[in-house]
Amino acid sequence: MDVGGKIPPAARDRRVVITGCGLVTPLGLGLQANWEALLRGESGIATITRFDPSRHATRIAGEVKGFNALEFIDRKEVRKMDLFIQFALAAAQLAVDDAGLRPDDLEGERTGVIVGSGIGGIGSIEETHKVLLEKGPDRVSPFFLIQTIINEAAGQISIRFRAKGPNSATVTACATGTHAIGDSLRIIQRGEAEIMIAGGSEAPITPLGVAGFCAMKALSERNEEPARASRPFDARRDGFVIGEGAGIVILEELGRALRRGAPIYAEVVGYGMTSDAYHVAAPAPDGDGAIRAMRRALQDAGVAAEAVGYINAHGTSTPYNDKTETIAVKAVFGPQARKVGVSSTKSMTGHMLGAAGGVEAAITALCLKHQVMTPTINYEFPDPDCDLDYVPNAARPAELLYGLSNSFGFGGTNGCLLLRRFDGA
């Protein structure tokens, strides 16, 4: 068994907890709206309104509804930011507020930010390219580059909160948010920060973004039934549904969190990251990279697989991913695999790409705190290749101590986070 990826014993003494969550998703804005929608098994997927999708093979998506950037950002600053940066700032503010952090709690070198994106400012790139072609280079906005560069989300967040500690941006496709949280865990464990603002943001629902995934034949074409289109692990799944938004969590050193009486959702106890080294888009058929990432997260925490009661699956609703993830879960958990609840919240949010890991880590923490597993909706037709307990169609109460959150991205990049229910000890 691979035992790589462990951290030094001294660093393990610094425990890290989640004290705040900020969610901007197709299910709503803020933690409560999202949690209630998840428990209801509500879909956030509908026909695209952001642009006219009539020429696209896929005309549905998980759009964020009711988002007003001016509720979070000054009017003069909004035009300097692509939508993915706006989502990130909003989610960061929601997370900070949820954690009960004051401005002076965050200011200085002991607070850092790692917030990434899989694609970044593709909407601003499309719009600016049109301006270049139609009006010439002199009409390109001076804000174009800072609108589109992926690390500007983390940069804007650090500026807002005057967080002068470690600042970075992960860009690892669908594993972005998970890697941001895992890397932030390591920074706190090493003693380089006390608080990290971590997660991912994405705004890919543009003509080019959707067309690109259509060209790959990656998206569902169930256009007449948008709410039923994302159906992870179901035998009639035909592709993922693209989503947008942001998921950001506040990671805090446990002692500091306890001293200020912070709310604690869960403890982050394990992190694993690997590469398939197989294909630019398809997962390794035997699940090798996913297997090793899950095992590394478990070994990092010193936790046996039998202790895990819930997995928030990557579960994209594509034929290959869901089959491969099932193979990987069986390899890691053995006979225990069929006793673990394995649900995909992408059935409700769609696939938020670089934001998915941040959103799903927050959801996993909520599942542990509230002792309930969120469902996989639209699970109607069992697939012989996907034969685990996918918590079909309805949330389920459960006694949970550990939960695993999986993210597997294009390029074969994998990330897994192991969370533990916090019981005050």
Protein backbone atom coordinates (compact mmCIF):
# COMPACT_ATOMS: atom_id res chain seq x y z
CA MET A 1 0.00 0.00 0.00
CA ASP A 2 1.29 3.45 -0.93
CA VAL A 3 2.15 5.42 2.21
CA GLY A 4 3.42 8.60 0.58
CA GLY A 5 2.18 12.10 1.24
CA LYS A 6 2.46 12.06 5.05
CA ILE A 7 3.35 15.19 6.99
CA PRO A 8 5.88 15.43 9.83
CA PRO A 9 4.57 14.44 13.30
CA ALA A 10 5.20 17.92 14.71
CA ALA A 11 2.99 19.51 12.07
CA ARG A 12 0.20 17.05 12.83
CA ASP A 13 -0.13 18.64 16.29
CA ARG A 14 -1.63 21.72 14.65
CA ARG A 15 -5.22 20.70 14.04
CA VAL A 16 -7.31 22.52 11.44
CA VAL A 17 -11.05 23.08 11.44
CA ILE A 18 -13.64 24.64 9.14
CA THR A 19 -15.23 27.62 10.87
CA GLY A 20 -17.05 29.29 7.99
CA CYS A 21 -18.58 28.38 4.63
CA GLY A 22 -19.57 30.67 1.76
CA LEU A 23 -21.60 29.23 -1.10
CA VAL A 24 -22.73 30.85 -4.34
CA THR A 25 -24.33 28.09 -6.41
CA PRO A 26 -27.23 27.33 -8.75
CA LEU A 27 -29.17 26.35 -5.60
CA GLY A 28 -28.88 29.79 -4.01
CA LEU A 29 -26.72 32.29 -2.20
CA GLY A 30 -25.42 31.51 1.27
CA LEU A 31 -25.17 28.45 3.43
CA GLN A 32 -28.75 28.14 4.61
CA ALA A 33 -30.35 28.46 1.19
CA ASN A 34 -28.03 25.83 -0.24
CA TRP A 35 -28.41 23.40 2.65
CA GLU A 36 -32.19 23.55 2.58
CA ALA A 37 -32.26 23.00 -1.19
CA LEU A 38 -29.88 20.04 -0.88
CA LEU A 39 -32.03 18.40 1.78
CA ARG A 40 -35.10 18.86 -0.42
CA GLY A 41 -33.30 17.26 -3.36
CA GLU A 42 -33.87 20.36 -5.45
CA SER A 43 -32.28 20.87 -8.87
CA GLY A 44 -30.67 24.18 -9.81
CA ILE A 45 -30.46 23.30 -13.50
CA ALA A 46 -32.55 25.04 -16.18
CA THR A 47 -32.37 26.38 -19.73
CA ILE A 48 -29.48 28.80 -20.24
CA THR A 49 -30.43 32.47 -19.95
CA ARG A 50 -26.93 34.01 -19.96
CA PHE A 51 -26.84 33.89 -23.78
CA ASP A 52 -28.92 32.49 -26.64
CA PRO A 53 -28.05 28.77 -26.64
CA SER A 54 -30.24 27.79 -29.60
CA ARG A 55 -27.28 26.81 -31.80
CA HIS A 56 -25.64 24.68 -29.11
CA ALA A 57 -26.25 20.95 -28.78
CA THR A 58 -26.61 21.50 -25.04
CA ARG A 59 -28.88 24.34 -23.97
CA ILE A 60 -29.06 23.77 -20.22
CA ALA A 61 -26.82 24.68 -17.29
CA GLY A 62 -26.68 25.35 -13.58
CA GLU A 63 -26.72 29.15 -13.55
CA VAL A 64 -26.48 31.18 -10.35
CA LYS A 65 -29.80 32.98 -9.94
CA GLY A 66 -30.49 36.29 -8.28
CA PHE A 67 -26.85 37.28 -7.94
CA ASN A 68 -26.28 41.02 -7.60
CA ALA A 69 -22.58 41.83 -7.46
CA LEU A 70 -23.35 45.27 -6.00
CA GLU A 71 -24.45 43.62 -2.76
CA PHE A 72 -20.83 42.57 -2.27
CA ILE A 73 -18.64 44.87 -4.39
CA ASP A 74 -18.47 48.63 -4.99
CA ARG A 75 -19.93 49.69 -8.32
CA LYS A 76 -16.66 51.21 -9.55
CA GLU A 77 -14.84 47.94 -8.83
CA VAL A 78 -17.32 45.56 -10.49
CA ARG A 79 -16.27 46.50 -14.01
CA LYS A 80 -12.71 45.47 -13.20
CA MET A 81 -13.78 41.90 -12.43
CA ASP A 82 -14.91 38.97 -14.48
CA LEU A 83 -17.91 37.14 -13.07
CA PHE A 84 -15.72 34.40 -11.58
CA ILE A 85 -13.95 37.02 -9.43
CA GLN A 86 -17.29 38.50 -8.39
CA PHE A 87 -18.52 35.06 -7.34
CA ALA A 88 -15.29 34.47 -5.40
CA LEU A 89 -15.48 37.76 -3.51
CA ALA A 90 -19.12 37.16 -2.65
CA ALA A 91 -18.44 33.62 -1.40
CA ALA A 92 -15.43 34.82 0.61
CA GLN A 93 -17.50 37.54 2.28
CA LEU A 94 -20.23 35.02 3.06
CA ALA A 95 -17.66 32.64 4.55
CA VAL A 96 -16.02 35.35 6.67
CA ASP A 97 -19.41 36.49 7.96
CA ASP A 98 -20.44 32.89 8.67
CA ALA A 99 -17.26 32.36 10.68
CA GLY A 100 -17.94 35.47 12.76
CA LEU A 101 -14.58 36.96 11.86
CA ARG A 102 -14.01 40.69 12.33
CA PRO A 103 -11.74 42.80 10.12
CA ASP A 104 -8.95 42.83 12.71
CA ASP A 105 -9.11 39.03 12.96
CA LEU A 106 -7.99 38.75 9.35
CA GLU A 107 -5.61 41.65 8.82
CA GLY A 108 -1.93 40.81 8.74
CA GLU A 109 0.51 38.05 7.93
CA ARG A 110 -1.25 35.21 9.79
CA THR A 111 -4.15 35.05 7.31
CA GLY A 112 -3.70 33.68 3.80
CA VAL A 113 -5.78 33.02 0.71
CA ILE A 114 -5.76 30.20 -1.81
CA VAL A 115 -8.66 30.48 -4.23
CA GLY A 116 -8.45 29.10 -7.74
CA SER A 117 -10.44 28.52 -10.90
CA GLY A 118 -10.31 25.95 -13.63
CA ILE A 119 -10.91 28.35 -16.53
CA GLY A 120 -10.94 31.88 -15.10
CA GLY A 121 -12.24 34.88 -16.99
CA ILE A 122 -13.44 33.23 -20.17
CA GLY A 123 -16.45 35.55 -20.41
CA SER A 124 -14.26 38.64 -20.36
CA ILE A 125 -11.90 37.07 -22.88
CA GLU A 126 -14.77 36.43 -25.31
CA GLU A 127 -16.19 39.94 -24.92
CA THR A 128 -12.82 41.63 -25.25
CA HIS A 129 -11.87 39.61 -28.31
CA LYS A 130 -15.08 40.81 -29.95
CA VAL A 131 -14.15 44.41 -29.12
CA LEU A 132 -10.68 43.87 -30.57
CA LEU A 133 -12.05 42.54 -33.86
CA GLU A 134 -14.87 45.06 -34.24
CA LYS A 135 -13.34 48.25 -32.81
CA GLY A 136 -9.58 47.71 -32.75
CA PRO A 137 -6.87 47.37 -30.10
CA ASP A 138 -7.25 50.92 -28.82
CA ARG A 139 -10.68 50.03 -27.46
CA VAL A 140 -9.52 47.11 -25.33
CA SER A 141 -10.17 47.83 -21.65
CA PRO A 142 -7.14 48.57 -19.45
CA PHE A 143 -8.79 46.24 -16.94
CA PHE A 144 -8.85 43.30 -19.34
CA LEU A 145 -5.93 41.37 -17.86
CA ILE A 146 -6.90 41.87 -14.22
CA GLN A 147 -10.43 40.76 -15.14
CA THR A 148 -9.27 37.44 -16.50
CA ILE A 149 -6.13 36.23 -14.68
CA ILE A 150 -7.05 33.40 -12.35
CA ASN A 151 -5.02 34.54 -9.32
CA GLU A 152 -6.89 37.85 -9.27
CA ALA A 153 -9.71 36.14 -7.33
CA ALA A 154 -7.31 35.36 -4.49
CA GLY A 155 -5.70 38.76 -4.93
CA GLN A 156 -8.97 40.65 -4.62
CA ILE A 157 -9.94 38.64 -1.55
CA SER A 158 -6.61 39.34 0.16
CA ILE A 159 -6.94 43.05 -0.63
CA ARG A 160 -10.47 43.19 0.79
CA PHE A 161 -9.49 41.58 4.08
CA ARG A 162 -5.90 42.89 4.19
CA ALA A 163 -4.72 39.30 4.46
CA LYS A 164 -0.95 39.48 3.98
CA GLY A 165 -0.06 35.83 4.50
CA PRO A 166 0.40 33.13 1.85
CA ASN A 167 -1.51 33.98 -1.32
CA SER A 168 -1.91 31.65 -4.28
CA ALA A 169 -4.31 30.18 -6.82
CA THR A 170 -4.73 26.55 -7.77
CA VAL A 171 -5.56 25.82 -11.41
CA THR A 172 -6.21 22.09 -11.52
CA ALA A 173 -9.43 21.74 -13.50
CA CYS A 174 -12.19 20.05 -11.49
CA ALA A 175 -9.85 19.43 -8.53
CA THR A 176 -9.08 23.14 -8.08
CA GLY A 177 -11.19 23.83 -5.00
CA THR A 178 -10.11 20.62 -3.28
CA HIS A 179 -6.43 21.31 -3.90
CA ALA A 180 -6.86 24.88 -2.63
CA ILE A 181 -8.27 23.58 0.65
CA GLY A 182 -5.72 20.80 0.95
CA ASP A 183 -2.80 23.11 0.28
CA SER A 184 -4.22 25.58 2.81
CA LEU A 185 -4.44 22.77 5.35
CA ARG A 186 -0.73 22.15 4.90
CA ILE A 187 0.11 25.85 5.33
CA ILE A 188 -1.66 26.00 8.70
CA GLN A 189 -0.15 22.66 9.79
CA ARG A 190 3.32 24.03 9.00
CA GLY A 191 2.64 27.09 11.14
CA GLU A 192 2.78 29.58 8.26
CA ALA A 193 -0.73 30.91 8.92
CA GLU A 194 -3.52 30.67 11.49
CA ILE A 195 -6.41 31.29 9.08
CA MET A 196 -6.76 30.43 5.39
CA ILE A 197 -9.54 31.50 3.06
CA ALA A 198 -9.71 28.66 0.56
CA GLY A 199 -11.78 27.29 -2.31
CA GLY A 200 -12.64 27.82 -5.94
CA SER A 201 -14.76 29.89 -8.29
CA GLU A 202 -15.97 29.44 -11.86
CA ALA A 203 -18.06 31.27 -14.46
CA PRO A 204 -17.87 29.09 -17.60
CA ILE A 205 -21.41 29.46 -18.92
CA THR A 206 -20.52 31.42 -22.04
CA PRO A 207 -20.99 30.64 -25.73
CA LEU A 208 -17.40 29.46 -26.07
CA GLY A 209 -17.27 27.61 -22.77
CA VAL A 210 -20.40 25.60 -23.49
CA ALA A 211 -19.41 25.04 -27.13
CA GLY A 212 -16.04 23.65 -26.07
CA PHE A 213 -17.59 21.03 -23.80
CA CYS A 214 -20.22 20.26 -26.45
CA ALA A 215 -17.45 19.61 -28.96
CA MET A 216 -15.96 17.07 -26.53
CA LYS A 217 -19.35 15.35 -26.27
CA ALA A 218 -19.04 15.77 -22.50
CA LEU A 219 -22.38 17.46 -21.77
CA SER A 220 -25.85 16.05 -21.33
CA GLU A 221 -28.23 16.84 -24.18
CA ARG A 222 -31.38 16.22 -22.15
CA ASN A 223 -32.50 19.74 -23.04
CA GLU A 224 -36.22 19.16 -22.59
CA GLU A 225 -35.79 17.93 -19.02
CA PRO A 226 -33.12 20.16 -17.49
CA ALA A 227 -33.91 19.32 -13.86
CA ARG A 228 -33.52 15.61 -14.66
CA ALA A 229 -30.40 15.90 -16.82
CA SER A 230 -27.69 15.50 -14.19
CA ARG A 231 -28.05 11.89 -13.04
CA PRO A 232 -24.80 10.55 -11.60
CA PHE A 233 -24.45 6.77 -11.46
CA ASP A 234 -27.79 6.30 -13.24
CA ALA A 235 -27.74 3.90 -16.19
CA ARG A 236 -29.22 6.55 -18.51
CA ARG A 237 -26.74 9.32 -17.75
CA ASP A 238 -25.49 11.00 -20.91
CA GLY A 239 -22.99 13.59 -19.73
CA PHE A 240 -22.49 16.28 -17.12
CA VAL A 241 -24.35 19.57 -16.80
CA ILE A 242 -22.11 22.62 -16.61
CA GLY A 243 -22.53 24.85 -13.55
CA GLU A 244 -21.10 28.05 -12.12
CA GLY A 245 -20.52 29.72 -8.78
CA ALA A 246 -18.06 29.60 -5.90
CA GLY A 247 -17.40 27.62 -2.76
CA ILE A 248 -15.05 29.01 -0.12
CA VAL A 249 -14.31 27.83 3.40
CA ILE A 250 -12.50 29.36 6.34
CA LEU A 251 -9.80 27.05 7.69
CA GLU A 252 -8.56 27.89 11.15
CA GLU A 253 -6.07 26.44 13.60
CA LEU A 254 -8.14 24.66 16.22
CA GLY A 255 -6.74 26.41 19.29
CA ARG A 256 -7.38 29.81 17.80
CA ALA A 257 -10.91 28.85 16.79
CA LEU A 258 -11.70 27.59 20.30
CA ARG A 259 -10.28 30.70 21.97
CA ARG A 260 -12.61 32.97 20.04
CA GLY A 261 -15.62 30.67 20.39
CA ALA A 262 -15.90 30.10 16.65
CA PRO A 263 -18.53 27.86 15.09
CA ILE A 264 -16.89 24.63 13.96
CA TYR A 265 -18.39 22.55 11.15
CA ALA A 266 -15.77 19.80 10.91
CA GLU A 267 -12.08 19.07 11.26
CA VAL A 268 -9.93 18.55 8.15
CA VAL A 269 -7.78 15.55 9.00
CA GLY A 270 -6.49 14.15 5.72
CA TYR A 271 -5.48 15.24 2.23
CA GLY A 272 -4.34 13.21 -0.75
CA MET A 273 -3.37 14.27 -4.25
CA THR A 274 -2.17 12.16 -7.17
CA SER A 275 -1.98 11.99 -10.94
CA ASP A 276 -3.40 9.33 -13.23
CA ALA A 277 -0.59 9.97 -15.73
CA TYR A 278 -2.91 8.40 -18.27
CA HIS A 279 -4.94 10.77 -20.49
CA VAL A 280 -5.66 14.47 -20.92
CA ALA A 281 -9.39 14.06 -20.30
CA ALA A 282 -10.39 10.48 -19.49
CA PRO A 283 -9.83 8.84 -16.09
CA ALA A 284 -7.61 5.79 -15.81
CA PRO A 285 -9.99 2.87 -16.43
CA ASP A 286 -8.81 0.98 -13.36
CA GLY A 287 -9.26 4.02 -11.12
CA ASP A 288 -5.58 4.00 -10.17
CA GLY A 289 -5.15 7.73 -9.50
CA ALA A 290 -8.42 8.01 -7.61
CA ILE A 291 -7.58 4.95 -5.52
CA ARG A 292 -4.20 6.35 -4.50
CA ALA A 293 -5.65 9.81 -3.71
CA MET A 294 -8.29 8.35 -1.39
CA ARG A 295 -5.74 6.08 0.28
CA ARG A 296 -3.35 8.97 0.80
CA ALA A 297 -6.06 11.04 2.47
CA LEU A 298 -6.86 8.15 4.80
CA GLN A 299 -3.20 7.44 5.54
CA ASP A 300 -2.47 11.12 6.09
CA ALA A 301 -5.09 11.08 8.86
CA GLY A 302 -4.14 7.66 10.18
CA VAL A 303 -7.74 6.54 9.69
CA ALA A 304 -8.94 3.12 8.55
CA ALA A 305 -11.30 3.00 5.58
CA GLU A 306 -13.91 1.27 7.77
CA ALA A 307 -14.36 4.47 9.78
CA VAL A 308 -15.69 6.44 6.78
CA GLY A 309 -19.47 6.54 6.56
CA TYR A 310 -19.99 9.03 3.74
CA ILE A 311 -18.33 9.99 0.46
CA ASN A 312 -19.24 13.13 -1.45
CA ALA A 313 -18.38 11.67 -4.83
CA HIS A 314 -16.90 13.46 -7.80
CA GLY A 315 -19.91 11.87 -9.53
CA THR A 316 -20.14 13.94 -12.70
CA SER A 317 -22.90 12.01 -14.53
CA THR A 318 -20.59 10.97 -17.35
CA PRO A 319 -20.47 7.30 -18.34
CA TYR A 320 -16.74 6.79 -17.70
CA ASN A 321 -16.23 8.90 -14.58
CA ASP A 322 -19.03 7.34 -12.56
CA LYS A 323 -18.01 3.80 -13.47
CA THR A 324 -14.35 4.50 -12.70
CA GLU A 325 -15.09 6.19 -9.38
CA THR A 326 -17.20 3.19 -8.37
CA ILE A 327 -14.29 0.88 -9.19
CA ALA A 328 -11.97 3.08 -7.12
CA VAL A 329 -14.27 3.18 -4.09
CA LYS A 330 -14.54 -0.62 -4.14
CA ALA A 331 -10.77 -0.96 -4.31
CA VAL A 332 -10.21 1.33 -1.34
CA PHE A 333 -13.07 0.20 0.88
CA GLY A 334 -13.35 -3.47 -0.08
CA PRO A 335 -16.44 -5.22 1.36
CA GLN A 336 -17.18 -2.05 3.35
CA ALA A 337 -17.85 -0.15 0.09
CA ARG A 338 -21.52 -1.15 -0.05
CA LYS A 339 -22.05 0.13 3.50
CA VAL A 340 -20.82 3.64 2.71
CA GLY A 341 -23.22 6.33 1.52
CA VAL A 342 -21.82 7.71 -1.76
CA SER A 343 -23.74 10.69 -3.07
CA SER A 344 -23.16 13.25 -5.79
CA THR A 345 -24.44 16.75 -5.14
CA LYS A 346 -23.62 17.56 -8.78
CA SER A 347 -26.99 15.95 -9.47
CA MET A 348 -28.43 19.20 -8.05
CA THR A 349 -25.79 21.88 -8.71
CA GLY A 350 -24.39 20.60 -11.98
CA HIS A 351 -20.62 20.41 -12.36
CA MET A 352 -19.14 23.70 -11.17
CA LEU A 353 -15.67 22.74 -12.45
CA GLY A 354 -13.03 24.59 -10.42
CA ALA A 355 -15.59 25.63 -7.82
CA ALA A 356 -16.89 22.09 -7.25
CA GLY A 357 -14.29 21.01 -4.69
CA GLY A 358 -14.88 24.04 -2.48
CA VAL A 359 -18.64 23.64 -2.60
CA GLU A 360 -18.50 19.90 -1.97
CA ALA A 361 -16.04 20.12 0.92
CA ALA A 362 -18.42 22.56 2.59
CA ILE A 363 -21.33 20.20 1.96
CA THR A 364 -19.38 17.28 3.40
CA ALA A 365 -18.69 19.33 6.53
CA LEU A 366 -22.40 20.11 6.84
CA CYS A 367 -23.29 16.43 6.46
CA LEU A 368 -20.98 15.60 9.36
CA LYS A 369 -22.25 18.43 11.54
CA HIS A 370 -25.93 17.66 10.96
CA GLN A 371 -25.54 13.87 10.71
CA VAL A 372 -27.31 13.52 7.39
CA MET A 373 -26.29 12.44 3.91
CA THR A 374 -27.41 14.61 1.00
CA PRO A 375 -28.97 12.67 -1.90
CA THR A 376 -28.10 11.82 -5.46
CA ILE A 377 -31.25 12.93 -7.26
CA ASN A 378 -32.47 11.59 -10.61
CA TYR A 379 -31.31 8.10 -9.70
CA GLU A 380 -33.93 5.97 -11.47
CA PHE A 381 -32.26 3.20 -13.46
CA PRO A 382 -29.56 1.13 -11.72
CA ASP A 383 -26.36 0.54 -13.66
CA PRO A 384 -24.69 -2.85 -13.13
CA ASP A 385 -21.32 -1.08 -13.27
CA CYS A 386 -22.39 1.35 -10.54
CA ASP A 387 -23.70 -0.79 -7.72
CA LEU A 388 -23.01 1.12 -4.50
CA ASP A 389 -25.37 2.99 -2.16
CA TYR A 390 -25.75 6.35 -3.87
CA VAL A 391 -28.25 7.73 -1.32
CA PRO A 392 -30.88 7.84 -4.07
CA ASN A 393 -33.31 10.73 -4.36
CA ALA A 394 -33.80 11.61 -0.68
CA ALA A 395 -31.58 12.86 2.13
CA ARG A 396 -30.93 10.28 4.84
CA PRO A 397 -30.05 10.64 8.53
CA ALA A 398 -26.89 8.75 9.46
CA GLU A 399 -24.32 8.44 12.23
CA LEU A 400 -21.21 9.83 10.60
CA LEU A 401 -17.73 10.29 12.04
CA TYR A 402 -15.69 10.72 8.84
CA GLY A 403 -16.59 11.97 5.38
CA LEU A 404 -14.48 11.94 2.22
CA SER A 405 -14.79 14.56 -0.54
CA ASN A 406 -13.47 13.50 -3.97
CA SER A 407 -12.40 15.63 -6.93
CA PHE A 408 -10.89 14.26 -10.14
CA GLY A 409 -9.95 16.63 -12.96
CA PHE A 410 -8.90 16.79 -16.59
CA GLY A 411 -5.24 15.99 -17.03
CA GLY A 412 -5.60 13.19 -14.51
CA THR A 413 -5.25 15.44 -11.46
CA ASN A 414 -6.90 14.06 -8.31
CA GLY A 415 -7.61 15.45 -4.87
CA CYS A 416 -9.36 14.01 -1.80
CA LEU A 417 -10.12 15.58 1.57
CA LEU A 418 -10.98 13.60 4.69
CA LEU A 419 -13.12 15.44 7.23
CA ARG A 420 -14.01 14.41 10.77
CA ARG A 421 -17.08 15.33 12.78
CA PHE A 422 -16.01 17.79 15.47
CA ASP A 423 -17.19 16.71 18.90
CA GLY A 424 -15.30 19.26 20.95
CA ALA A 425 -12.32 16.99 21.65
